[in-house]
Protein backbone atom coordinates (compact mmCIF):
# COMPACT_ATOMS: atom_id res chain seq x y z
CA MET A 1 -43.79 10.57 11.42
CA ILE A 2 -41.26 13.41 11.79
CA GLU A 3 -37.66 12.50 11.20
CA THR A 4 -35.27 14.28 13.58
CA ALA A 5 -31.91 13.11 12.24
CA THR A 6 -30.25 15.50 9.81
CA PRO A 7 -28.91 14.06 6.58
CA LEU A 8 -25.16 13.93 6.08
CA TYR A 9 -25.15 16.48 3.27
CA ILE A 10 -26.72 19.13 5.50
CA ASP A 11 -23.99 18.64 8.10
CA LEU A 12 -21.34 18.82 5.37
CA LEU A 13 -22.90 22.00 4.01
CA LEU A 14 -22.92 23.59 7.46
CA TYR A 15 -19.26 22.70 8.06
CA ALA A 16 -18.33 24.07 4.64
CA MET A 17 -20.13 27.32 5.46
CA TYR A 18 -18.31 27.58 8.79
CA ALA A 19 -14.99 26.98 7.05
CA LEU A 20 -15.72 29.63 4.43
CA VAL A 21 -16.71 32.20 7.04
CA LEU A 22 -13.53 31.53 9.02
CA LEU A 23 -11.50 31.73 5.82
CA ALA A 24 -13.11 35.07 4.92
CA ILE A 25 -12.39 36.46 8.39
CA GLY A 26 -8.78 35.29 8.14
CA PHE A 27 -8.28 36.87 4.71
CA THR A 28 -9.86 40.11 5.92
CA ALA A 29 -7.54 40.31 8.93
CA TRP A 30 -4.52 39.43 6.77
CA SER A 31 -5.48 42.09 4.22
CA MET A 32 -5.86 44.78 6.89
CA VAL A 33 -2.49 43.98 8.47
CA ARG A 34 -0.79 43.88 5.07
CA SER A 35 -2.35 47.18 4.04
CA MET A 36 -1.28 48.92 7.25
CA ARG A 37 2.28 47.60 6.93
CA ARG A 38 2.58 48.72 3.32
CA GLN A 39 1.26 52.17 4.11
CA GLY A 40 3.85 52.79 6.82
CA PRO A 41 3.62 55.20 9.75
CA ASP A 42 4.90 58.27 7.88
CA ASN A 43 2.58 57.83 4.89
CA SER A 44 -0.64 58.50 6.76
CA ARG A 45 -2.10 60.84 4.13
CA SER A 46 -3.09 59.93 0.60
CA ASN A 47 -3.85 62.85 -1.75
CA ARG A 48 -4.34 65.12 1.29
CA ILE A 49 -6.88 62.66 2.74
CA PRO A 50 -6.06 61.29 6.22
CA ALA A 51 -6.39 57.67 5.16
CA ARG A 52 -4.86 56.15 8.31
CA ARG A 53 -7.11 58.20 10.59
CA ILE A 54 -10.19 57.22 8.58
CA GLY A 55 -9.19 53.53 8.73
CA VAL A 56 -8.65 53.67 12.49
CA LEU A 57 -11.98 55.46 13.00
CA ILE A 58 -13.82 52.86 10.92
CA LEU A 59 -12.23 50.02 12.87
CA ALA A 60 -13.08 51.72 16.17
CA LEU A 61 -16.67 52.32 15.05
CA LEU A 62 -17.02 48.69 14.01
CA ALA A 63 -15.63 47.37 17.30
CA ALA A 64 -17.72 49.79 19.38
CA SER A 65 -20.93 49.07 17.50
CA LEU A 66 -20.38 45.29 17.68
CA GLY A 67 -19.76 45.45 21.42
CA LEU A 68 -22.57 47.86 22.17
CA THR A 69 -25.17 46.06 20.06
CA TYR A 70 -24.16 42.72 21.61
CA LEU A 71 -24.65 44.11 25.12
CA LEU A 72 -27.97 45.78 24.25
CA SER A 73 -29.41 42.89 22.22
CA ASP A 74 -32.68 41.19 23.02
CA THR A 75 -32.66 37.63 24.42
CA ARG A 76 -36.37 36.86 24.53
CA THR A 77 -37.37 33.44 23.23
CA LEU A 78 -38.34 33.36 19.55
CA ILE A 79 -40.80 30.95 17.98
CA ILE A 80 -39.20 29.66 14.78
CA ASN A 81 -41.13 27.16 12.66
CA GLY A 82 -43.39 26.52 15.62
CA LYS A 83 -40.54 25.67 17.99
CA PRO A 84 -39.13 27.91 20.72
CA PHE A 85 -35.54 29.08 20.25
CA ASP A 86 -33.96 30.30 23.47
CA ASP A 87 -30.18 30.06 23.03
CA ARG A 88 -29.16 33.42 24.50
CA PHE A 89 -25.76 33.56 22.80
CA TRP A 90 -27.07 33.06 19.25
CA LEU A 91 -30.00 35.39 19.86
CA ARG A 92 -27.53 38.08 20.92
CA VAL A 93 -25.16 37.40 18.01
CA SER A 94 -27.91 37.55 15.39
CA ASP A 95 -29.33 40.74 16.89
CA MET A 96 -25.81 42.21 17.09
CA LEU A 97 -25.08 41.54 13.42
CA ILE A 98 -28.40 42.94 12.23
CA ASN A 99 -28.15 46.11 14.31
CA THR A 100 -24.47 46.69 13.52
CA SER A 101 -25.21 46.35 9.81
CA ALA A 102 -27.96 48.95 10.11
CA ILE A 103 -25.71 51.34 12.05
CA LEU A 104 -22.87 51.03 9.54
CA ILE A 105 -25.24 51.54 6.58
CA VAL A 106 -26.59 54.74 8.16
CA VAL A 107 -23.06 55.99 8.95
CA ALA A 108 -21.94 55.25 5.37
CA ALA A 109 -24.94 57.10 3.93
CA VAL A 110 -24.27 60.13 6.13
CA ALA A 111 -20.58 60.09 5.17
CA ILE A 112 -21.49 59.98 1.48
CA LEU A 113 -23.90 62.90 1.88
CA ILE A 114 -21.31 64.94 3.78
CA GLY A 115 -18.63 64.19 1.20
CA TYR A 116 -20.94 64.95 -1.71
CA SER A 117 -22.18 68.22 -0.21
CA GLY A 118 -18.67 69.63 0.28
CA ILE A 119 -19.38 70.85 3.80
CA VAL A 120 -15.94 69.85 5.07
CA ARG A 121 -14.15 71.75 2.26
CA LYS A 122 -16.25 74.85 2.92
CA LEU A 123 -15.48 74.76 6.65
CA LYS A 124 -11.70 74.48 6.06
CA ARG A 125 -11.57 77.75 4.08
């Protein structure tokens, strides 16, 4: 016979994971706000690198990629462990996170290659 009730420790583990994720998001937001306040509006360059502009571009890329990948995500029913899963919201969220991660990894790799090659320094001369 298949038991359908989840044990108490699984529920506690799930709630602990939710709390940790929310805590991590809160600390990330607090750290970003604190960093921007410390930097100040007139100190936008660090060692001739436009740090504020880079930070704003990264935040804009993250927000745009999260929104775009959420809108373009697939909502077809998945078969997981032999059972259909058709919750459209969670299908979109999981697809959004996977695709956004892939986009940001590719963008980071391209940025590293551009920085390592020195193309930007050669173009400024």
